Amino acid sequence: MERSVSMGGVKKERMFEELLEIQEMLEKRTETQGQMIKKFQMLIANEGLYSKIIDLFPYPIAIYTPQYKLILTNKAFTSLIEEQSIDMEKKTTRILRHKINDIQLASAVKEVFDGRTYFLENLDSPFSMFSEIIKEDAVKSDHFNKVVIFPLTTDDSKISHGVIFFMP
């Protein structure tokens, strides 16, 4: 009888150690993402750096207003959209929240203006929100199935824009 109790204690201890390892990994990941977002916000605030660094960043980035109008995208976003574009030049590009398949993504696109930051994974067709400029099912990209969505603030700490950072 003592042996089974002892074995159970070892199993519990190992499970506890594994949970601690997972927690540490998640904390490091969250800290790294927070640092990345702060650095990105500083780059956007300095427009000269934006054009040189952010525009050449290999992952698609879209910046939008509280009215869901796209005001800025980088070259990776533009080239991905141009491959599948209906006609980007003739339209004011907006995020169509009702076209977003994922409830968490739709919520994050809206609630970023409440000051929240989101990291979402395993998204199916995150580019569906741009279906006004992209053929409906053209960018069903499994390649970019993660996003970080975070707010940009003005000098007086008011949220002026949302940023969607698409990742593989």
N, C-alpha and C. Protein backbone atom coordinates (compact mmCIF):
# COMPACT_ATOMS: atom_id res chain seq x y z
N MET A 1 0.82 -1.20 0.00
CA MET A 1 0.00 0.00 0.00
C MET A 1 0.86 1.27 0.00
N GLU A 2 1.94 1.24 0.78
CA GLU A 2 2.81 2.39 0.83
C GLU A 2 3.43 2.70 -0.53
N ARG A 3 3.76 1.65 -1.26
CA ARG A 3 4.38 1.84 -2.56
C ARG A 3 3.49 2.62 -3.52
N SER A 4 2.20 2.31 -3.58
CA SER A 4 1.31 3.00 -4.50
C SER A 4 1.16 4.47 -4.12
N VAL A 5 1.16 4.76 -2.82
CA VAL A 5 1.09 6.14 -2.38
C VAL A 5 2.37 6.87 -2.80
N SER A 6 3.49 6.22 -2.60
CA SER A 6 4.77 6.80 -2.99
C SER A 6 4.83 7.05 -4.49
N MET A 7 4.41 6.07 -5.28
CA MET A 7 4.40 6.22 -6.73
C MET A 7 3.48 7.36 -7.14
N GLY A 8 2.32 7.45 -6.49
CA GLY A 8 1.39 8.54 -6.80
C GLY A 8 2.01 9.89 -6.50
N GLY A 9 2.78 9.97 -5.40
CA GLY A 9 3.46 11.20 -5.05
C GLY A 9 4.49 11.60 -6.08
N VAL A 10 5.21 10.61 -6.61
CA VAL A 10 6.21 10.88 -7.64
C VAL A 10 5.53 11.39 -8.90
N LYS A 11 4.43 10.77 -9.27
CA LYS A 11 3.70 11.20 -10.47
C LYS A 11 3.18 12.63 -10.30
N LYS A 12 2.64 12.91 -9.12
CA LYS A 12 2.13 14.25 -8.87
C LYS A 12 3.25 15.28 -8.92
N GLU A 13 4.40 14.90 -8.33
CA GLU A 13 5.54 15.81 -8.33
C GLU A 13 6.02 16.08 -9.75
N ARG A 14 6.10 15.05 -10.57
CA ARG A 14 6.53 15.21 -11.97
C ARG A 14 5.54 16.08 -12.75
N MET A 15 4.24 15.82 -12.53
CA MET A 15 3.22 16.63 -13.20
C MET A 15 3.35 18.09 -12.79
N PHE A 16 3.59 18.31 -11.50
CA PHE A 16 3.75 19.68 -11.00
C PHE A 16 4.95 20.35 -11.66
N GLU A 17 6.08 19.61 -11.77
CA GLU A 17 7.27 20.15 -12.43
C GLU A 17 6.98 20.50 -13.89
N GLU A 18 6.25 19.63 -14.58
CA GLU A 18 5.91 19.89 -15.98
C GLU A 18 5.02 21.12 -16.11
N LEU A 19 4.07 21.26 -15.20
CA LEU A 19 3.21 22.44 -15.22
C LEU A 19 4.01 23.72 -14.97
N LEU A 20 4.98 23.65 -14.06
CA LEU A 20 5.84 24.82 -13.82
C LEU A 20 6.65 25.17 -15.06
N GLU A 21 7.16 24.16 -15.76
CA GLU A 21 7.92 24.40 -16.99
C GLU A 21 7.04 25.07 -18.04
N ILE A 22 5.82 24.59 -18.17
CA ILE A 22 4.88 25.17 -19.14
C ILE A 22 4.57 26.61 -18.77
N GLN A 23 4.34 26.86 -17.48
CA GLN A 23 4.04 28.22 -17.02
C GLN A 23 5.21 29.15 -17.31
N GLU A 24 6.44 28.70 -17.04
CA GLU A 24 7.61 29.53 -17.32
C GLU A 24 7.73 29.83 -18.81
N MET A 25 7.48 28.82 -19.64
CA MET A 25 7.55 29.01 -21.08
C MET A 25 6.52 30.04 -21.54
N LEU A 26 5.30 29.93 -21.02
CA LEU A 26 4.24 30.88 -21.39
C LEU A 26 4.58 32.29 -20.92
N GLU A 27 5.14 32.42 -19.72
CA GLU A 27 5.52 33.74 -19.21
C GLU A 27 6.60 34.37 -20.08
N LYS A 28 7.60 33.58 -20.48
CA LYS A 28 8.66 34.09 -21.36
C LYS A 28 8.09 34.52 -22.70
N ARG A 29 7.18 33.71 -23.23
CA ARG A 29 6.56 34.01 -24.52
C ARG A 29 5.78 35.31 -24.44
N THR A 30 5.00 35.47 -23.37
CA THR A 30 4.20 36.67 -23.18
C THR A 30 5.11 37.89 -23.03
N GLU A 31 6.19 37.74 -22.27
CA GLU A 31 7.13 38.85 -22.10
C GLU A 31 7.78 39.24 -23.43
N THR A 32 8.18 38.25 -24.21
CA THR A 32 8.79 38.51 -25.51
C THR A 32 7.82 39.22 -26.43
N GLN A 33 6.56 38.78 -26.45
CA GLN A 33 5.55 39.42 -27.29
C GLN A 33 5.32 40.85 -26.85
N GLY A 34 5.29 41.08 -25.55
CA GLY A 34 5.11 42.44 -25.04
C GLY A 34 6.24 43.36 -25.45
N GLN A 35 7.47 42.85 -25.38
CA GLN A 35 8.63 43.64 -25.80
C GLN A 35 8.56 43.93 -27.30
N MET A 36 8.17 42.93 -28.08
CA MET A 36 8.07 43.11 -29.53
C MET A 36 7.03 44.19 -29.86
N ILE A 37 5.90 44.16 -29.18
CA ILE A 37 4.84 45.14 -29.44
C ILE A 37 5.32 46.54 -29.07
N LYS A 38 5.98 46.70 -27.93
CA LYS A 38 6.48 48.02 -27.53
C LYS A 38 7.48 48.57 -28.54
N LYS A 39 8.38 47.71 -29.01
CA LYS A 39 9.36 48.15 -30.01
C LYS A 39 8.67 48.53 -31.32
N PHE A 40 7.69 47.75 -31.70
CA PHE A 40 6.95 48.03 -32.92
C PHE A 40 6.22 49.36 -32.81
N GLN A 41 5.61 49.63 -31.65
CA GLN A 41 4.92 50.91 -31.45
C GLN A 41 5.90 52.08 -31.56
N MET A 42 7.11 51.91 -31.02
CA MET A 42 8.11 52.97 -31.13
C MET A 42 8.52 53.19 -32.58
N LEU A 43 8.66 52.11 -33.34
CA LEU A 43 9.03 52.24 -34.75
C LEU A 43 7.96 52.98 -35.54
N ILE A 44 6.71 52.68 -35.27
CA ILE A 44 5.62 53.35 -35.98
C ILE A 44 5.57 54.83 -35.61
N ALA A 45 5.85 55.13 -34.34
CA ALA A 45 5.84 56.53 -33.91
C ALA A 45 6.90 57.34 -34.65
N ASN A 46 8.00 56.70 -35.01
CA ASN A 46 9.06 57.37 -35.75
C ASN A 46 8.91 56.99 -37.22
N GLU A 47 8.20 57.80 -37.98
CA GLU A 47 7.83 57.46 -39.35
C GLU A 47 9.02 57.16 -40.25
N GLY A 48 10.15 57.80 -40.03
CA GLY A 48 11.33 57.53 -40.85
C GLY A 48 11.78 56.09 -40.70
N LEU A 49 11.77 55.60 -39.48
CA LEU A 49 12.14 54.20 -39.27
C LEU A 49 11.08 53.27 -39.84
N TYR A 50 9.82 53.69 -39.78
CA TYR A 50 8.77 52.82 -40.31
C TYR A 50 9.04 52.45 -41.75
N SER A 51 9.29 53.43 -42.56
CA SER A 51 9.42 53.17 -43.99
C SER A 51 10.60 52.27 -44.30
N LYS A 52 11.62 52.32 -43.48
CA LYS A 52 12.80 51.50 -43.75
C LYS A 52 12.71 50.10 -43.18
N ILE A 53 12.20 49.94 -42.00
CA ILE A 53 12.22 48.65 -41.32
C ILE A 53 10.90 47.90 -41.46
N ILE A 54 9.82 48.52 -41.05
CA ILE A 54 8.53 47.85 -41.02
C ILE A 54 8.07 47.48 -42.42
N ASP A 55 8.27 48.37 -43.37
CA ASP A 55 7.81 48.10 -44.73
C ASP A 55 8.51 46.89 -45.33
N LEU A 56 9.72 46.62 -44.91
CA LEU A 56 10.47 45.47 -45.42
C LEU A 56 10.32 44.23 -44.54
N PHE A 57 9.54 44.33 -43.49
CA PHE A 57 9.32 43.19 -42.61
C PHE A 57 8.66 42.07 -43.41
N PRO A 58 9.09 40.82 -43.22
CA PRO A 58 8.61 39.74 -44.09
C PRO A 58 7.18 39.27 -43.85
N TYR A 59 6.55 39.70 -42.78
CA TYR A 59 5.18 39.27 -42.49
C TYR A 59 4.19 40.41 -42.75
N PRO A 60 2.98 40.07 -43.19
CA PRO A 60 1.98 41.11 -43.47
C PRO A 60 1.58 41.89 -42.21
N ILE A 61 1.48 43.19 -42.37
CA ILE A 61 1.05 44.08 -41.29
C ILE A 61 0.00 45.03 -41.86
N ALA A 62 -1.08 45.22 -41.11
CA ALA A 62 -2.13 46.16 -41.51
C ALA A 62 -2.46 47.05 -40.32
N ILE A 63 -2.56 48.35 -40.57
CA ILE A 63 -2.91 49.32 -39.53
C ILE A 63 -4.23 49.95 -39.93
N TYR A 64 -5.16 50.01 -38.97
CA TYR A 64 -6.51 50.48 -39.29
C TYR A 64 -7.05 51.42 -38.22
N THR A 65 -8.07 52.18 -38.61
CA THR A 65 -8.70 53.18 -37.74
C THR A 65 -9.84 52.55 -36.94
N PRO A 66 -10.38 53.28 -35.96
CA PRO A 66 -11.55 52.78 -35.23
C PRO A 66 -12.78 52.58 -36.12
N GLN A 67 -12.76 53.15 -37.33
CA GLN A 67 -13.85 52.94 -38.29
C GLN A 67 -13.54 51.75 -39.20
N TYR A 68 -12.48 51.01 -38.87
CA TYR A 68 -12.06 49.79 -39.59
C TYR A 68 -11.55 50.06 -41.00
N LYS A 69 -11.08 51.26 -41.23
CA LYS A 69 -10.50 51.61 -42.53
C LYS A 69 -9.00 51.36 -42.47
N LEU A 70 -8.48 50.62 -43.46
CA LEU A 70 -7.04 50.40 -43.54
C LEU A 70 -6.36 51.69 -43.95
N ILE A 71 -5.36 52.10 -43.18
CA ILE A 71 -4.65 53.32 -43.54
C ILE A 71 -3.21 53.04 -43.95
N LEU A 72 -2.70 51.88 -43.55
CA LEU A 72 -1.31 51.58 -43.85
C LEU A 72 -1.09 50.08 -43.86
N THR A 73 -0.38 49.60 -44.86
CA THR A 73 0.02 48.20 -44.92
C THR A 73 1.48 48.15 -45.35
N ASN A 74 2.14 47.06 -45.04
CA ASN A 74 3.53 46.94 -45.47
C ASN A 74 3.60 46.18 -46.80
N LYS A 75 4.81 46.05 -47.33
CA LYS A 75 4.98 45.41 -48.64
C LYS A 75 4.55 43.95 -48.64
N ALA A 76 4.78 43.24 -47.54
CA ALA A 76 4.38 41.83 -47.48
C ALA A 76 2.87 41.70 -47.59
N PHE A 77 2.13 42.59 -46.93
CA PHE A 77 0.67 42.57 -47.02
C PHE A 77 0.24 42.92 -48.44
N THR A 78 0.80 43.98 -48.97
CA THR A 78 0.42 44.44 -50.31
C THR A 78 0.69 43.38 -51.36
N SER A 79 1.84 42.73 -51.30
CA SER A 79 2.14 41.72 -52.32
C SER A 79 1.24 40.51 -52.19
N LEU A 80 0.89 40.13 -50.97
CA LEU A 80 -0.03 39.02 -50.77
C LEU A 80 -1.41 39.37 -51.32
N ILE A 81 -1.86 40.58 -51.05
CA ILE A 81 -3.17 41.03 -51.52
C ILE A 81 -3.17 41.18 -53.04
N GLU A 82 -2.11 41.74 -53.60
CA GLU A 82 -2.07 41.95 -55.05
C GLU A 82 -2.18 40.64 -55.83
N GLU A 83 -1.64 39.57 -55.27
CA GLU A 83 -1.74 38.26 -55.94
C GLU A 83 -3.19 37.82 -56.07
N GLN A 84 -4.02 38.22 -55.12
CA GLN A 84 -5.40 37.74 -55.07
C GLN A 84 -6.42 38.87 -55.18
N SER A 85 -5.97 40.04 -55.57
CA SER A 85 -6.79 41.24 -55.52
C SER A 85 -7.90 41.28 -56.56
N ILE A 86 -9.01 41.84 -56.16
CA ILE A 86 -10.09 42.16 -57.09
C ILE A 86 -9.71 43.46 -57.78
N ASP A 87 -9.55 44.51 -57.00
CA ASP A 87 -9.06 45.79 -57.51
C ASP A 87 -8.85 46.71 -56.33
N MET A 88 -7.67 46.70 -55.80
CA MET A 88 -7.36 47.45 -54.58
C MET A 88 -7.38 48.96 -54.81
N GLU A 89 -7.09 49.40 -55.99
CA GLU A 89 -6.99 50.83 -56.27
C GLU A 89 -8.33 51.56 -56.19
N LYS A 90 -9.39 50.92 -56.61
CA LYS A 90 -10.67 51.62 -56.73
C LYS A 90 -11.47 51.68 -55.44
N LYS A 91 -11.05 50.96 -54.43
CA LYS A 91 -11.87 50.86 -53.23
C LYS A 91 -11.16 51.46 -52.02
N THR A 92 -11.97 52.00 -51.11
CA THR A 92 -11.48 52.33 -49.79
C THR A 92 -11.49 51.02 -49.03
N THR A 93 -10.35 50.59 -48.60
CA THR A 93 -10.27 49.28 -48.00
C THR A 93 -10.67 49.33 -46.54
N ARG A 94 -11.62 48.49 -46.20
CA ARG A 94 -12.11 48.40 -44.83
C ARG A 94 -12.04 46.95 -44.36
N ILE A 95 -11.97 46.81 -43.05
CA ILE A 95 -12.08 45.48 -42.47
C ILE A 95 -13.56 45.18 -42.36
N LEU A 96 -13.97 44.08 -42.93
CA LEU A 96 -15.38 43.69 -42.88
C LEU A 96 -15.54 42.67 -41.75
N ARG A 97 -15.91 43.18 -40.57
CA ARG A 97 -16.00 42.30 -39.39
C ARG A 97 -16.99 41.17 -39.59
N HIS A 98 -18.06 41.43 -40.32
CA HIS A 98 -19.07 40.38 -40.52
C HIS A 98 -18.56 39.25 -41.41
N LYS A 99 -17.44 39.46 -42.09
CA LYS A 99 -16.86 38.42 -42.95
C LYS A 99 -15.82 37.56 -42.22
N ILE A 100 -15.50 37.92 -40.98
CA ILE A 100 -14.49 37.19 -40.23
C ILE A 100 -15.10 35.89 -39.71
N ASN A 101 -14.45 34.79 -40.05
CA ASN A 101 -14.95 33.46 -39.66
C ASN A 101 -14.73 33.14 -38.19
N ASP A 102 -13.71 33.67 -37.60
CA ASP A 102 -13.33 33.34 -36.23
C ASP A 102 -13.88 34.39 -35.26
N ILE A 103 -14.65 33.96 -34.29
CA ILE A 103 -15.28 34.88 -33.34
C ILE A 103 -14.23 35.64 -32.53
N GLN A 104 -13.16 34.94 -32.12
CA GLN A 104 -12.10 35.61 -31.35
C GLN A 104 -11.42 36.70 -32.18
N LEU A 105 -11.19 36.43 -33.44
CA LEU A 105 -10.56 37.41 -34.31
C LEU A 105 -11.47 38.62 -34.50
N ALA A 106 -12.75 38.39 -34.73
CA ALA A 106 -13.70 39.49 -34.89
C ALA A 106 -13.74 40.35 -33.63
N SER A 107 -13.74 39.70 -32.49
CA SER A 107 -13.76 40.41 -31.22
C SER A 107 -12.48 41.21 -31.01
N ALA A 108 -11.34 40.62 -31.32
CA ALA A 108 -10.06 41.29 -31.13
C ALA A 108 -9.93 42.53 -32.01
N VAL A 109 -10.40 42.43 -33.26
CA VAL A 109 -10.34 43.56 -34.19
C VAL A 109 -11.11 44.75 -33.62
N LYS A 110 -12.18 44.48 -32.92
CA LYS A 110 -13.00 45.54 -32.33
C LYS A 110 -12.44 46.00 -30.98
N GLU A 111 -12.14 45.05 -30.11
CA GLU A 111 -11.79 45.38 -28.73
C GLU A 111 -10.37 45.90 -28.55
N VAL A 112 -9.57 45.87 -29.60
CA VAL A 112 -8.23 46.46 -29.50
C VAL A 112 -8.35 47.94 -29.14
N PHE A 113 -9.46 48.57 -29.50
CA PHE A 113 -9.66 49.99 -29.21
C PHE A 113 -10.05 50.23 -27.75
N ASP A 114 -10.22 49.15 -26.99
CA ASP A 114 -10.40 49.26 -25.54
C ASP A 114 -9.06 49.13 -24.83
N GLY A 115 -7.97 49.03 -25.61
CA GLY A 115 -6.64 48.96 -25.03
C GLY A 115 -6.10 47.56 -24.85
N ARG A 116 -6.79 46.58 -25.35
CA ARG A 116 -6.35 45.19 -25.18
C ARG A 116 -5.43 44.75 -26.31
N THR A 117 -4.56 43.80 -26.00
CA THR A 117 -3.67 43.18 -26.98
C THR A 117 -4.05 41.71 -27.07
N TYR A 118 -4.04 41.18 -28.27
CA TYR A 118 -4.45 39.80 -28.50
C TYR A 118 -3.38 39.03 -29.26
N PHE A 119 -3.18 37.78 -28.89
CA PHE A 119 -2.37 36.84 -29.65
C PHE A 119 -3.28 35.65 -29.95
N LEU A 120 -3.59 35.45 -31.22
CA LEU A 120 -4.50 34.38 -31.62
C LEU A 120 -3.78 33.40 -32.53
N GLU A 121 -4.06 32.11 -32.34
CA GLU A 121 -3.42 31.06 -33.13
C GLU A 121 -4.47 30.19 -33.80
N ASN A 122 -4.00 29.38 -34.73
CA ASN A 122 -4.84 28.40 -35.42
C ASN A 122 -6.05 29.03 -36.09
N LEU A 123 -5.84 30.16 -36.72
CA LEU A 123 -6.93 30.85 -37.41
C LEU A 123 -7.14 30.26 -38.79
N ASP A 124 -8.38 30.19 -39.19
CA ASP A 124 -8.73 29.71 -40.52
C ASP A 124 -9.16 30.93 -41.34
N SER A 125 -8.43 31.23 -42.37
CA SER A 125 -8.73 32.35 -43.28
C SER A 125 -8.79 33.71 -42.59
N PRO A 126 -7.71 34.13 -41.92
CA PRO A 126 -7.76 35.44 -41.27
C PRO A 126 -7.88 36.59 -42.25
N PHE A 127 -7.56 36.36 -43.53
CA PHE A 127 -7.66 37.42 -44.53
C PHE A 127 -9.09 37.59 -45.06
N SER A 128 -10.02 36.78 -44.57
CA SER A 128 -11.41 36.91 -45.02
C SER A 128 -11.99 38.28 -44.68
N MET A 129 -11.42 38.96 -43.70
CA MET A 129 -11.92 40.29 -43.31
C MET A 129 -11.65 41.33 -44.39
N PHE A 130 -10.82 40.98 -45.37
CA PHE A 130 -10.51 41.89 -46.47
C PHE A 130 -11.18 41.45 -47.77
N SER A 131 -12.30 40.76 -47.67
CA SER A 131 -12.93 40.18 -48.87
C SER A 131 -13.46 41.24 -49.83
N GLU A 132 -13.48 42.49 -49.43
CA GLU A 132 -13.88 43.55 -50.35
C GLU A 132 -12.79 43.79 -51.40
N ILE A 133 -11.55 43.44 -51.08
CA ILE A 133 -10.46 43.62 -52.06
C ILE A 133 -9.85 42.30 -52.51
N ILE A 134 -10.23 41.22 -51.86
CA ILE A 134 -9.68 39.91 -52.20
C ILE A 134 -10.81 39.00 -52.63
N LYS A 135 -10.55 38.17 -53.61
CA LYS A 135 -11.55 37.18 -54.00
C LYS A 135 -11.91 36.37 -52.77
N GLU A 136 -13.18 36.08 -52.62
CA GLU A 136 -13.74 35.51 -51.39
C GLU A 136 -12.89 34.40 -50.75
N ASP A 137 -12.49 33.41 -51.50
CA ASP A 137 -11.73 32.32 -50.90
C ASP A 137 -10.30 32.24 -51.44
N ALA A 138 -9.80 33.35 -51.93
CA ALA A 138 -8.48 33.34 -52.55
C ALA A 138 -7.34 33.18 -51.54
N VAL A 139 -7.42 33.88 -50.44
CA VAL A 139 -6.33 33.80 -49.46
C VAL A 139 -6.80 32.96 -48.28
N LYS A 140 -6.92 31.68 -48.52
CA LYS A 140 -7.21 30.75 -47.44
C LYS A 140 -5.87 30.23 -46.98
N SER A 141 -5.09 31.12 -46.49
CA SER A 141 -3.69 30.81 -46.20
C SER A 141 -3.53 30.10 -44.87
N ASP A 142 -3.02 28.89 -44.94
CA ASP A 142 -2.63 28.21 -43.72
C ASP A 142 -1.28 28.74 -43.26
N HIS A 143 -0.60 29.42 -44.17
CA HIS A 143 0.73 29.94 -43.85
C HIS A 143 0.66 31.01 -42.76
N PHE A 144 -0.27 31.93 -42.86
CA PHE A 144 -0.42 32.98 -41.85
C PHE A 144 -1.66 32.66 -41.01
N ASN A 145 -1.48 31.81 -40.02
CA ASN A 145 -2.62 31.39 -39.21
C ASN A 145 -2.55 31.91 -37.77
N LYS A 146 -1.65 32.87 -37.53
CA LYS A 146 -1.54 33.50 -36.21
C LYS A 146 -1.56 35.02 -36.42
N VAL A 147 -2.10 35.72 -35.44
CA VAL A 147 -2.05 37.18 -35.47
C VAL A 147 -1.78 37.72 -34.08
N VAL A 148 -1.12 38.87 -34.06
CA VAL A 148 -1.04 39.69 -32.85
C VAL A 148 -1.76 40.97 -33.22
N ILE A 149 -2.71 41.36 -32.40
CA ILE A 149 -3.46 42.59 -32.63
C ILE A 149 -3.25 43.47 -31.40
N PHE A 150 -2.79 44.69 -31.63
CA PHE A 150 -2.52 45.58 -30.51
C PHE A 150 -2.83 47.02 -30.89
N PRO A 151 -3.06 47.87 -29.86
CA PRO A 151 -3.40 49.27 -30.11
C PRO A 151 -2.17 50.15 -30.29
N LEU A 152 -2.33 51.21 -31.05
CA LEU A 152 -1.33 52.28 -31.15
C LEU A 152 -1.92 53.49 -30.46
N THR A 153 -1.11 54.14 -29.66
CA THR A 153 -1.60 55.30 -28.93
C THR A 153 -0.92 56.57 -29.41
N THR A 154 -1.61 57.67 -29.21
CA THR A 154 -1.05 58.98 -29.53
C THR A 154 -0.19 59.43 -28.35
N ASP A 155 0.43 60.59 -28.48
CA ASP A 155 1.27 61.11 -27.40
C ASP A 155 0.48 61.32 -26.10
N ASP A 156 -0.81 61.61 -26.22
CA ASP A 156 -1.63 61.81 -25.02
C ASP A 156 -2.33 60.52 -24.58
N SER A 157 -1.79 59.37 -24.98
CA SER A 157 -2.24 58.04 -24.56
C SER A 157 -3.64 57.64 -25.03
N LYS A 158 -4.14 58.27 -26.07
CA LYS A 158 -5.42 57.86 -26.64
C LYS A 158 -5.15 56.86 -27.76
N ILE A 159 -6.01 55.87 -27.86
CA ILE A 159 -5.82 54.84 -28.88
C ILE A 159 -6.30 55.38 -30.22
N SER A 160 -5.40 55.42 -31.18
CA SER A 160 -5.73 56.00 -32.48
C SER A 160 -5.89 54.94 -33.57
N HIS A 161 -5.20 53.81 -33.43
CA HIS A 161 -5.22 52.80 -34.48
C HIS A 161 -5.07 51.40 -33.88
N GLY A 162 -5.47 50.42 -34.67
CA GLY A 162 -5.21 49.03 -34.34
C GLY A 162 -4.20 48.48 -35.34
N VAL A 163 -3.38 47.55 -34.89
CA VAL A 163 -2.38 46.93 -35.76
C VAL A 163 -2.65 45.43 -35.79
N ILE A 164 -2.68 44.87 -36.99
CA ILE A 164 -2.79 43.42 -37.15
C ILE A 164 -1.47 42.95 -37.74
N PHE A 165 -0.83 42.07 -37.02
CA PHE A 165 0.48 41.54 -37.39
C PHE A 165 0.26 40.06 -37.68
N PHE A 166 0.30 39.66 -38.94
CA PHE A 166 0.05 38.27 -39.35
C PHE A 166 1.35 37.47 -39.26
N MET A 167 1.26 36.26 -38.72
CA MET A 167 2.46 35.43 -38.56
C MET A 167 2.19 33.99 -39.00
N PRO A 168 3.27 33.32 -39.42
CA PRO A 168 3.12 31.90 -39.78
C PRO A 168 3.04 31.03 -38.53
